[in-house]
Protein backbone atom coordinates (compact mmCIF):
# COMPACT_ATOMS: atom_id res chain seq x y z
CA MET A 1 22.70 337.57 11.45
CA ASN A 2 25.21 334.92 12.60
CA GLY A 3 22.56 332.25 12.01
CA VAL A 4 19.76 333.99 13.95
CA LYS A 5 16.74 335.45 12.11
CA LYS A 6 15.98 339.12 12.82
CA GLU A 7 13.14 341.41 11.81
CA VAL A 8 14.24 345.02 11.29
CA PRO A 9 12.51 348.18 10.06
CA GLU A 10 12.65 349.01 6.37
CA GLY A 11 15.79 350.96 5.49
CA SER A 12 17.88 349.66 8.38
CA ARG A 13 21.62 349.42 7.89
CA ILE A 14 24.08 346.80 9.09
CA ARG A 15 25.36 349.11 11.84
CA ASP A 16 21.84 349.29 13.28
CA ILE A 17 21.87 345.60 14.24
CA LEU A 18 25.53 345.21 15.31
CA ASN A 19 24.85 346.03 18.96
CA GLY A 20 25.37 342.91 21.04
CA GLU A 21 26.95 340.97 18.20
CA PRO A 22 30.61 339.81 18.30
CA TYR A 23 32.27 342.34 16.02
CA SER A 24 35.45 344.45 16.19
CA GLU A 25 35.24 347.78 14.42
CA GLY A 26 37.16 347.86 11.15
CA SER A 27 37.16 344.10 10.60
CA ILE A 28 35.37 342.63 7.61
CA LEU A 29 32.05 340.80 7.62
CA ALA A 30 30.38 338.51 5.08
CA VAL A 31 27.15 339.52 3.34
CA SER A 32 25.02 337.13 1.27
CA ARG A 33 22.01 338.35 -0.66
CA ALA A 34 19.03 335.99 -1.08
CA GLY A 35 19.75 333.54 -3.89
CA GLU A 36 17.70 331.97 -6.64
CA GLU A 37 16.88 328.28 -6.75
CA ILE A 38 18.45 326.66 -9.81
CA LEU A 39 17.89 323.16 -11.18
CA SER A 40 20.84 321.90 -13.20
CA GLU A 41 21.80 318.62 -14.80
CA THR A 42 25.06 316.92 -13.91
CA ASP A 43 27.31 314.49 -15.76
CA GLU A 44 25.69 311.68 -13.77
CA TYR A 45 22.85 309.44 -15.04
CA GLU A 46 20.58 306.94 -13.30
CA ILE A 47 20.22 303.59 -15.10
CA VAL A 48 16.92 301.93 -14.10
CA THR A 49 16.48 298.11 -14.32
CA GLN A 50 14.01 295.56 -12.93
CA LYS A 51 16.49 294.77 -10.13
CA GLY A 52 17.09 298.38 -9.12
CA SER A 53 19.08 301.42 -10.24
CA PHE A 54 22.75 302.28 -10.57
CA ASN A 55 24.44 305.55 -11.53
CA ILE A 56 27.03 306.29 -14.19
CA ARG A 57 29.21 309.41 -14.12
CA LEU A 58 30.43 310.49 -17.56
CA ASN A 59 34.11 311.39 -18.06
CA GLY A 60 33.79 314.27 -20.54
CA THR A 61 35.42 312.44 -23.49
CA ILE A 62 34.15 312.14 -27.06
CA PHE A 63 32.80 308.72 -26.09
CA ALA A 64 30.75 310.36 -23.28
CA GLU A 65 29.22 312.73 -25.85
CA LYS A 66 28.49 309.78 -28.12
CA TRP A 67 26.82 307.89 -25.23
CA LYS A 68 24.53 310.85 -24.49
CA LYS A 69 23.36 310.77 -28.15
CA LEU A 70 22.83 307.00 -28.04
CA LYS A 71 21.21 306.72 -24.57
CA ASP A 72 17.65 306.82 -25.96
CA ASP A 73 18.53 303.86 -28.22
CA ILE A 74 19.84 301.93 -25.19
CA VAL A 75 16.54 302.23 -23.29
CA GLY A 76 14.59 299.00 -23.76
CA VAL A 77 17.53 296.79 -24.71
CA GLY A 78 18.40 293.85 -22.50
CA ILE A 79 21.36 292.38 -20.68
CA ARG A 80 23.06 290.39 -23.42
CA TRP A 81 25.58 288.41 -21.40
CA GLY A 82 27.79 288.52 -18.35
CA THR A 83 31.18 287.00 -17.49
CA ASN A 84 33.60 287.39 -14.61
CA LYS A 85 35.15 290.29 -16.56
CA ILE A 86 32.25 292.27 -18.02
CA LEU A 87 28.52 292.87 -18.17
CA ALA A 88 27.18 293.58 -21.70
CA VAL A 89 24.03 295.56 -22.62
CA GLY A 90 22.79 295.59 -26.19
CA SER A 91 22.92 295.52 -29.01
CA PHE A 92 22.13 298.77 -30.86
CA PRO A 93 23.59 300.46 -33.97
CA SER A 94 26.18 303.27 -33.85
CA ASP A 95 28.70 305.01 -36.10
CA LEU A 96 31.74 304.29 -33.88
CA PRO A 97 34.97 303.67 -35.83
CA VAL A 98 36.52 300.20 -35.57
CA ASP A 99 39.76 299.68 -33.62
CA ARG A 100 41.45 296.27 -33.20
CA GLU A 101 43.98 297.23 -30.48
CA ARG A 102 43.89 295.98 -26.89
CA HIS A 103 43.24 298.50 -24.11
CA ASP A 104 43.25 298.62 -20.30
CA TYR A 105 40.00 298.70 -18.35
CA MET A 106 39.49 299.30 -14.62
CA ARG A 107 36.74 297.87 -12.44
CA TYR A 108 33.38 299.69 -12.97
CA ASP A 109 34.57 301.39 -16.19
CA CYS A 110 31.73 301.86 -18.70
CA PHE A 111 32.73 301.55 -22.37
CA PHE A 112 31.56 300.68 -25.89
CA SER A 113 32.19 297.36 -27.67
CA LEU A 114 31.56 296.30 -31.26
CA GLY A 115 30.33 292.74 -31.75
CA GLY A 116 32.38 291.09 -34.50
CA PHE A 117 34.06 294.49 -35.07
CA ASP A 118 30.77 295.66 -36.64
CA ASN A 119 29.29 298.95 -35.34
CA ARG A 120 25.81 297.78 -36.30
CA SER A 121 26.12 295.55 -33.20
CA THR A 122 27.26 298.00 -30.54
CA TYR A 123 27.21 297.14 -26.83
CA MET A 124 27.44 299.12 -23.61
CA MET A 125 29.92 297.29 -21.40
CA ILE A 126 30.69 297.50 -17.67
CA ALA A 127 34.01 296.11 -16.39
CA ARG A 128 33.70 293.84 -13.34
CA ILE A 129 37.47 293.51 -12.80
CA ASN A 130 40.65 295.21 -14.00
CA HIS A 131 41.71 293.64 -17.31
CA THR A 132 43.18 294.23 -20.78
CA ALA A 133 41.26 293.31 -23.93
CA GLY A 134 40.26 294.40 -27.45
CA TYR A 135 36.58 295.25 -27.85
CA GLY A 136 36.61 296.84 -31.30
CA VAL A 137 36.71 300.52 -30.15
CA ASN A 138 39.70 302.73 -29.24
CA ASP A 139 39.22 302.10 -25.47
CA GLY A 140 35.66 303.47 -25.81
CA ILE A 141 35.48 304.44 -22.11
CA PHE A 142 32.73 307.00 -21.46
CA GLY A 143 32.24 306.84 -17.69
CA LYS A 144 32.21 304.84 -14.45
CA VAL A 145 29.57 303.30 -12.19
CA THR A 146 29.50 305.43 -9.02
CA LYS A 147 26.38 304.28 -7.13
CA GLY A 148 24.37 301.08 -6.86
CA ARG A 149 27.32 298.85 -7.81
CA HIS A 150 25.78 295.95 -5.87
CA ILE A 151 22.98 295.85 -8.48
CA LEU A 152 25.42 294.72 -11.18
CA ASN A 153 25.85 291.25 -9.64
CA SER A 154 22.09 290.61 -9.62
CA LEU A 155 21.46 291.44 -13.31
CA ASP A 156 20.96 288.60 -15.79
CA GLU A 157 19.67 288.07 -19.35
CA ASP A 158 16.04 288.45 -18.27
CA ASP A 159 16.65 292.06 -17.25
CA SER A 160 16.69 295.19 -19.41
CA ILE A 161 17.34 298.91 -19.27
CA MET A 162 13.97 300.41 -18.37
CA ALA A 163 14.98 304.10 -18.23
CA ILE A 164 17.98 306.44 -18.24
CA ASN A 165 17.42 309.58 -16.21
CA PRO A 166 19.77 312.55 -15.81
CA VAL A 167 20.64 313.31 -12.19
CA VAL A 168 19.46 316.84 -11.39
CA VAL A 169 20.78 318.93 -8.50
CA ASN A 170 18.92 321.72 -6.78
CA THR A 171 21.28 324.59 -5.92
CA ILE A 172 20.81 328.09 -4.56
CA GLU A 173 22.95 330.71 -6.25
CA LYS A 174 23.97 333.44 -3.80
CA ASN A 175 25.56 336.81 -4.28
CA SER A 176 28.11 336.78 -1.45
CA PHE A 177 30.89 339.24 -0.66
CA VAL A 178 32.94 340.63 2.24
CA THR A 179 32.99 344.25 3.32
CA SER A 180 33.88 346.54 6.22
CA ASP A 181 31.12 348.99 5.20
CA VAL A 182 28.50 348.80 7.95
CA ASP A 183 26.28 351.40 6.23
CA ILE A 184 24.97 348.90 3.67
CA ILE A 185 21.14 348.92 3.67
CA LEU A 186 19.65 345.58 4.73
CA GLU A 187 17.53 343.60 2.28
CA ASN A 188 14.95 340.91 2.89
CA GLY A 189 16.58 337.46 2.96
CA MET A 190 20.08 338.83 3.46
CA ALA A 191 22.49 336.79 5.63
CA ILE A 192 25.39 338.38 7.55
CA GLU A 193 28.32 336.84 9.43
CA THR A 194 30.25 339.19 11.70
CA TYR A 195 32.75 336.79 13.28
CA ILE A 196 34.38 333.37 13.29
CA HIS A 197 33.81 331.15 16.31
CA VAL A 198 36.09 328.21 17.16
CA LYS A 199 35.24 325.48 19.66
CA LEU A 200 38.61 324.42 21.06
CA ASN A 201 39.89 320.87 21.54
CA LYS A 202 40.75 319.99 25.14
CA ASN A 203 43.15 317.26 23.92
CA SER A 204 45.58 319.85 22.50
CA PRO A 205 46.20 322.34 25.35
CA VAL A 206 49.60 323.68 24.23
CA SER A 207 48.61 324.38 20.63
CA CYS A 208 45.26 325.79 21.78
CA GLU A 209 47.20 328.31 23.88
CA GLN A 210 49.12 329.34 20.76
CA PHE A 211 45.77 330.09 19.07
CA LEU A 212 44.46 331.94 22.14
CA VAL A 213 47.58 334.13 22.32
CA VAL A 214 47.27 335.12 18.64
CA ALA A 215 43.50 335.76 18.86
CA GLU A 216 43.49 337.34 22.33
CA ASN A 217 42.54 340.85 21.18
CA GLY A 218 39.44 339.52 19.39
CA THR A 219 40.69 339.76 15.80
CA ILE A 220 42.98 337.76 13.55
CA GLU A 221 44.67 338.64 10.25
CA ILE A 222 44.45 336.33 7.25
CA THR A 223 48.14 336.36 6.29
CA ASP A 224 47.99 333.35 3.92
CA LYS A 225 45.20 332.16 1.63
CA THR A 226 44.88 329.18 -0.74
CA SER A 227 41.96 327.23 -2.19
CA THR A 228 42.35 324.78 0.70
CA TYR A 229 42.81 326.99 3.75
CA ALA A 230 43.18 330.43 5.28
CA ALA A 231 46.04 330.87 7.74
CA ASN A 232 47.67 333.24 10.21
CA SER A 233 51.47 333.48 10.44
CA SER A 234 51.82 336.25 13.01
CA ARG A 235 53.56 334.15 15.71
CA LEU A 236 55.92 331.62 14.16
CA ASN A 237 58.73 329.26 15.12
CA VAL A 238 57.52 328.76 18.66
CA SER A 239 58.39 325.56 20.52
CA LEU A 240 55.30 323.33 20.62
CA VAL A 241 54.63 319.64 21.24
CA LYS A 242 52.82 317.01 19.17
CA GLU A 243 49.24 316.57 20.35
CA GLU A 244 46.02 315.27 18.75
CA THR A 245 46.01 314.73 14.98
CA ALA A 246 43.13 313.81 12.67
CA VAL A 247 41.87 314.17 9.10
CA ARG A 248 41.72 317.88 8.33
CA ASN A 249 38.09 318.13 7.22
CA GLU A 250 36.31 321.32 6.21
CA GLY A 251 35.90 323.50 9.29
CA ILE A 252 38.86 322.02 11.18
CA VAL A 253 41.44 324.38 12.73
CA THR A 254 45.04 323.21 13.20
CA VAL A 255 48.38 324.57 14.40
CA ARG A 256 51.64 323.49 12.79
CA ASN A 257 53.61 321.90 15.64
CA GLU A 258 56.98 321.28 13.96
CA GLY A 259 59.15 322.37 11.06
CA ASN A 260 59.33 325.64 9.17
CA GLY A 261 56.49 327.87 10.26
CA ALA A 262 55.73 326.09 13.53
CA GLY A 263 52.94 328.05 15.20
CA ARG A 264 51.04 328.88 11.98
CA ILE A 265 47.26 328.58 12.43
CA TYR A 266 45.25 326.93 9.61
CA PHE A 267 41.49 327.17 8.96
CA TYR A 268 40.46 324.49 6.42
CA ASN A 269 37.70 324.82 3.84
CA SER A 270 38.40 321.52 2.07
CA LYS A 271 39.57 318.10 3.18
CA ARG A 272 43.22 317.15 3.68
CA GLN A 273 44.73 313.98 5.13
CA VAL A 274 46.22 313.45 8.58
CA SER A 275 49.63 315.05 9.15
CA PRO A 276 51.75 314.46 12.27
CA ASN A 277 52.94 318.08 11.97
CA HIS A 278 49.42 319.50 12.31
CA THR A 279 47.74 319.52 15.72
CA VAL A 280 43.94 319.72 15.62
CA ILE A 281 42.92 322.52 17.99
CA GLY A 282 39.25 323.02 17.22
CA THR A 283 36.25 323.29 14.90
CA ILE A 284 34.63 326.33 13.28
CA THR A 285 31.01 326.58 14.48
CA THR A 286 30.17 330.04 13.09
CA GLY A 287 31.60 332.12 10.26
CA SER A 288 32.53 329.55 7.62
CA GLU A 289 31.30 331.84 4.82
CA LEU A 290 33.26 334.78 6.26
CA LEU A 291 36.38 332.63 6.38
CA ARG A 292 35.86 331.30 2.84
CA LEU A 293 35.51 334.79 1.35
CA SER A 294 38.15 336.65 3.43
CA PRO A 295 41.05 337.73 1.19
CA LYS A 296 44.70 337.69 2.17
CA GLY A 297 45.55 340.67 4.34
CA SER A 298 42.06 341.08 5.78
CA LYS A 299 41.23 341.32 9.49
CA VAL A 300 38.32 339.29 10.89
CA THR A 301 36.67 339.18 14.30
CA ILE A 302 37.25 335.90 16.12
CA ARG A 303 35.92 334.29 19.30
CA SER A 304 36.49 330.91 20.94
CA THR A 305 35.07 328.57 23.54
CA PRO A 306 36.69 328.73 25.98
CA GLN A 307 38.21 332.20 25.92
CA ARG A 308 41.78 332.66 27.11
CA ILE A 309 42.18 332.47 30.90
CA MET A 310 45.26 334.53 31.75
CA THR A 311 45.58 336.56 34.96
CA ILE A 312 49.33 337.31 34.90
CA GLY A 313 49.78 341.08 35.00
CA MET A 314 46.43 341.71 36.73
CA THR A 315 46.07 342.71 40.36
CA GLN A 316 44.90 339.99 42.74
CA ARG A 317 41.56 341.84 42.98
CA ASP A 318 41.06 342.04 39.19
CA ALA A 319 42.11 338.41 38.81
CA ALA A 320 39.50 337.37 41.37
CA GLU A 321 36.74 339.23 39.50
CA PHE A 322 37.87 337.89 36.13
CA LEU A 323 37.90 334.28 37.36
CA LYS A 324 34.60 334.67 39.23
CA ASN A 325 32.85 335.73 36.01
CA LEU A 326 34.09 332.49 34.44
CA GLY A 327 32.91 330.37 37.37
CA ILE A 328 36.48 329.59 38.47
CA ALA A 329 37.74 329.80 42.05
CA GLN A 330 40.91 331.75 42.93
CA SER A 331 43.59 330.54 45.33
CA ARG A 332 45.96 333.39 46.28
CA THR A 333 49.61 332.72 47.13
CA GLY A 334 52.68 334.92 47.55
CA LEU A 335 51.57 338.46 48.32
CA GLU A 336 47.79 338.12 48.68
CA SER A 337 46.76 341.79 49.03
CA ASP A 338 44.24 343.10 46.48
CA ASP A 339 46.66 345.53 44.83
CA SER A 340 49.59 343.09 44.46
CA ILE A 341 50.40 341.97 40.90
CA VAL A 342 49.88 338.40 39.72
CA VAL A 343 53.22 337.22 38.31
CA GLU A 344 52.52 333.47 38.07
CA GLN A 345 49.42 331.42 37.43
CA GLU A 346 48.90 327.70 37.89
CA PRO A 347 47.73 326.07 35.67
CA GLU A 348 48.98 328.49 33.04
CA LEU A 349 47.39 326.73 30.04
CA THR A 350 43.73 327.62 29.50
CA MET A 351 42.66 324.12 28.45
CA GLU A 352 44.11 322.62 31.65
CA ILE A 353 42.03 324.88 33.94
CA SER A 354 38.90 323.37 35.44
CA GLU A 355 37.66 324.68 38.78
CA GLU A 356 40.50 326.64 40.42
CA VAL A 357 43.48 328.82 39.54
CA GLU A 358 46.39 329.62 41.86
CA THR A 359 47.61 333.20 41.47
CA PHE A 360 51.01 334.19 42.92
CA GLY A 361 51.27 337.90 43.80
CA ARG A 362 54.20 340.31 44.15
CA GLN A 363 54.55 344.01 44.88
CA LYS A 364 54.40 346.11 41.73
CA GLU A 365 57.70 347.77 42.72
CA LEU A 366 59.45 344.38 42.68
CA ILE A 367 58.80 343.80 38.98
CA ALA A 368 61.58 345.26 36.79
CA VAL A 369 60.30 347.55 34.05
CA TRP A 370 62.05 347.46 30.66
CA GLU A 371 61.46 349.68 27.65
CA LEU A 372 62.41 347.71 24.55
CA ASN A 373 63.66 349.38 21.37
CA ASP A 374 61.59 347.81 18.58
CA LYS A 375 62.41 350.51 16.04
CA GLU A 376 66.19 349.99 15.94
CA SER A 377 66.49 346.36 17.10
CA PRO A 378 63.30 344.48 16.14
CA LYS A 379 64.90 341.02 15.94
CA THR A 380 66.63 341.49 19.29
CA THR A 381 63.48 342.63 21.09
CA ASN A 382 61.55 339.75 19.56
CA TYR A 383 64.23 337.39 20.94
CA ILE A 384 63.88 338.90 24.43
CA ARG A 385 60.09 338.60 24.40
CA ARG A 386 60.21 334.98 23.31
CA LEU A 387 62.88 334.10 25.87
CA THR A 388 61.11 335.76 28.79
CA GLY A 389 57.53 334.88 27.83
CA LEU A 390 56.59 338.55 27.35
CA ASP A 391 55.26 337.71 23.91
CA TYR A 392 52.33 335.84 25.48
CA LYS A 393 51.97 337.25 29.01
CA LYS A 394 52.34 340.61 30.79
CA VAL A 395 55.08 339.53 33.21
CA GLY A 396 58.08 337.47 32.11
CA THR A 397 61.04 335.85 33.84
CA LEU A 398 64.82 335.73 33.37
CA LYS A 399 67.48 333.65 35.12
CA VAL A 400 70.54 335.51 36.44
CA PHE A 401 73.73 334.22 34.82
CA PHE A 402 76.31 336.32 36.64
CA THR A 403 76.25 339.11 39.20
CA TYR A 404 78.82 340.26 41.75
CA PRO A 405 79.21 343.37 43.90
CA GLY A 406 81.26 345.98 42.04
CA MET A 407 80.74 344.38 38.61
CA PRO A 408 79.84 346.92 35.88
CA MET A 409 76.98 344.76 34.58
CA VAL A 410 74.55 341.96 35.44
CA THR A 411 73.89 339.22 32.87
CA PHE A 412 71.08 336.72 32.28
CA GLU A 413 71.02 333.32 30.62
CA GLY A 414 69.99 333.28 26.96
CA ASN A 415 69.05 330.60 24.47
CA VAL A 416 71.94 329.67 22.15
CA SER A 417 69.65 327.95 19.63
CA GLN A 418 67.29 330.90 19.27
CA ALA A 419 70.22 333.36 19.13
CA SER A 420 72.08 331.41 16.43
CA THR A 421 70.47 333.63 13.77
CA LEU A 422 70.53 336.87 15.79
CA LEU A 423 72.27 339.19 13.33
CA PRO A 424 73.98 342.42 14.49
CA GLU A 425 71.53 345.29 14.93
CA ALA A 426 71.83 348.74 16.54
CA THR A 427 74.76 348.98 18.96
CA PHE A 428 75.86 351.72 21.38
CA GLU A 429 77.46 354.79 19.87
CA ARG A 430 80.09 356.62 21.95
CA MET A 431 78.95 355.25 25.28
CA SER A 432 77.03 352.30 26.70
CA ASN A 433 75.12 354.09 29.44
CA LYS A 434 74.02 352.92 32.86
CA GLY A 435 70.69 351.06 32.72
CA GLU A 436 70.98 350.11 29.02
CA ILE A 437 69.91 346.59 28.04
CA GLY A 438 71.81 344.61 25.42
CA VAL A 439 72.08 341.16 23.87
CA THR A 440 75.19 339.39 22.56
CA ASN A 441 74.60 338.72 18.84
CA MET A 442 75.56 335.67 16.78
CA SER A 443 79.08 336.97 16.07
CA ARG A 444 80.31 336.07 19.56
CA PRO A 445 80.57 332.73 21.46
CA GLY A 446 78.23 334.02 24.19
CA LYS A 447 75.42 334.67 21.72
CA GLY A 448 72.01 335.17 23.28
CA THR A 449 73.26 336.43 26.65
CA ILE A 450 71.22 339.38 27.96
CA GLY A 451 72.75 342.09 30.14
CA ILE A 452 72.13 345.41 31.90
CA ARG A 453 74.92 347.99 32.06
CA LEU A 454 75.56 349.18 35.65
CA GLU A 455 78.33 351.66 34.85
CA PRO A 456 78.85 353.67 31.66
CA SER A 457 81.53 352.43 29.26
CA SER A 458 82.84 353.56 25.89
CA GLU A 459 84.32 350.12 25.12
CA PHE A 460 81.94 347.44 26.33
CA GLY A 461 78.21 346.93 26.19
CA PRO A 462 75.69 345.53 28.70
CA THR A 463 76.93 341.93 28.26
CA GLY A 464 80.65 342.82 28.36
CA GLU A 465 81.07 342.57 24.58
CA GLU A 466 82.58 345.16 22.26
CA LYS A 467 80.35 347.15 19.90
CA TYR A 468 80.26 344.65 17.04
CA GLY A 469 79.06 341.88 19.35
CA THR A 470 76.40 343.93 21.14
CA ASN A 471 72.81 344.58 20.06
CA ASN A 472 71.18 347.40 22.02
CA ALA A 473 67.70 346.29 23.07
CA GLY A 474 66.36 349.02 25.37
CA ILE A 475 66.69 350.53 28.80
CA MET A 476 65.87 349.67 32.42
CA MET A 477 63.09 352.06 33.47
CA SER A 478 62.74 351.03 37.13
CA ASP A 479 65.16 351.50 40.01
CA LEU A 480 68.45 349.61 39.58
CA GLU A 481 69.34 349.70 43.26
CA THR A 482 66.11 347.95 44.16
CA PHE A 483 66.64 345.46 41.37
CA LEU A 484 70.15 344.50 42.53
CA LYS A 485 69.31 344.10 46.23
CA ASP A 486 70.17 340.51 47.32
CA LEU A 487 70.50 339.40 43.66
CA ARG A 488 72.48 336.18 43.22
CA ASP A 489 73.57 333.89 40.38
CA GLY A 490 70.75 331.52 39.40
CA ASP A 491 67.94 333.75 40.71
CA LEU A 492 64.84 334.17 38.59
CA VAL A 493 63.63 337.75 38.25
CA TYR A 494 60.30 339.19 37.07
CA ILE A 495 60.15 341.80 34.30
CA ARG A 496 57.43 343.64 32.42
CA GLU A 497 57.38 346.18 29.60
CA PHE A 498 57.11 349.93 30.12
CA GLU A 499 53.58 351.31 29.84
CA SER A 500 52.26 354.86 29.63
CA GLY A 501 51.83 356.13 33.16
CA ASP A 502 54.93 354.37 34.49
CA GLU A 503 57.59 356.55 36.06
CA LYS A 504 61.13 356.43 34.73
CA ALA A 505 63.91 355.99 37.30
CA GLU A 506 66.99 358.20 37.00
CA HIS A 507 70.14 356.07 36.67
CA LYS A 508 73.15 358.18 37.60
CA ALA A 509 76.73 357.22 36.90
CA GLY A 510 78.93 356.27 39.85
CA ASP A 511 78.72 353.90 42.77
CA LEU A 512 75.46 352.08 43.39
CA LYS A 513 73.86 352.73 46.74
CA VAL A 514 71.39 350.05 47.79
CA ASP A 515 68.51 350.96 50.05
CA GLU A 516 68.48 348.92 53.24
CA GLU A 517 64.77 348.18 52.89
CA GLU A 518 64.05 344.55 52.09
CA PHE A 519 63.47 344.59 48.31
CA ASN A 520 64.27 341.91 45.76
CA PHE A 521 62.97 340.78 42.40
CA VAL A 522 63.53 337.07 42.87
CA SER A 523 60.97 334.43 41.78
CA HIS A 524 59.90 331.70 44.20
CA LYS A 525 60.00 329.00 41.51
CA PRO A 526 60.90 328.46 37.81
CA PRO A 527 58.64 330.00 35.17
CA ALA A 528 55.72 327.90 33.99
CA GLY A 529 55.74 328.92 30.32
CA PRO A 530 54.34 326.28 27.92
CA PHE A 531 56.30 327.52 24.91
CA VAL A 532 58.92 330.11 24.00
């Protein structure tokens, strides 16, 4: 199992040996039954001479079939002559038809020639250079020298063909398949892979974080499958940077860093050349058979070295324990009490962390809680998560665009580029209520702006736009009065998504009354997100 031999009682099932193995319930695993050893001939032949051996690979043509019938007649014949163009072996009789046309030959091509255009004097020829000539046969090419080419220069008329041996390969034929059925009875010699393991590349920290975000829950879906690779397209069109590139050999994992589908993760099972748009993020060390057999749409268990190091959203106490288990020191800043929430981490990228992580804490009450409406406005909520960083961490940030005492709304800066394709989605019906969150869609000049409604309105939404320009995105679940205390243009505020167990604040219409207690949601520095 996963490369380690195990002895189990007769009649054991897969589930009996899963304990302690990396495996997420419901994901598929690869099973290979013991195979049989098979000897098989190839289309390659070893030509033995007094000076050594060279190999010829046949090309599958009618001339290759003819050569296989004549090879016994070629054994024992000598090197007839050699020039700067060809090496000739022969002669021997054949029934090849005569052809007087000229044909092209490439270096190391093996072909037939008829001496004096008479098939009773047939020769096996090897081209030493690219050239065009007429040798009495319609090109006559049956193969190419693939190994031992240096031997050709040492052969002379004193040498001969001593033997022609077929090259035989020893293969093991396995019965391999993937399954999620863990009640399969184990058989002697069976091999099982439960997960894929990736050793990450420290030279590509940003793209590695993309992989870690996608694989954070321990599984990954195969959304794309070709003969060359398996891929995951669950988090696309993120902003990445160009990092390390290399030949994409079997077992290499890359992330597309630019162009359509930026963020797609590729697992290669055959070689492809270097591409500047593919960042190499790691190598598969376990699970290559599982990856090769996994069909499109399947879910597989995945692990990496290192694992993702992300403390944002934890308490300072939990962050300390998490980091301690990884052998990493914690440096607390901001609110340092055990029950305060980590809202920033430095470094934020896993591959840039070595010995210490700084965790900045805030009171839980000072983090705004939003409930996003994925059902009615999926594109809008996806935009918000990408803009704030909530799509890759528990606590995100927004920059205040405009706020003023008495204003019926507060707005936050958006991203015009990302919002350029934000089509109209669900809008408010009769009334845009207090506490509702909205985004200006692509139909208006202020596209991408995010807002919270502070007073109900039948005409304008949370960003001050009319219905057709407003996409409803959700509702503010925490206390608005606390949120607005000391809020100014340009401030950065912390937000998180609503979770079960959170209390919902009651937002009443009318004047806002701010508690005198010192509360604010403002960040002490800009967000440290590596990509959006």
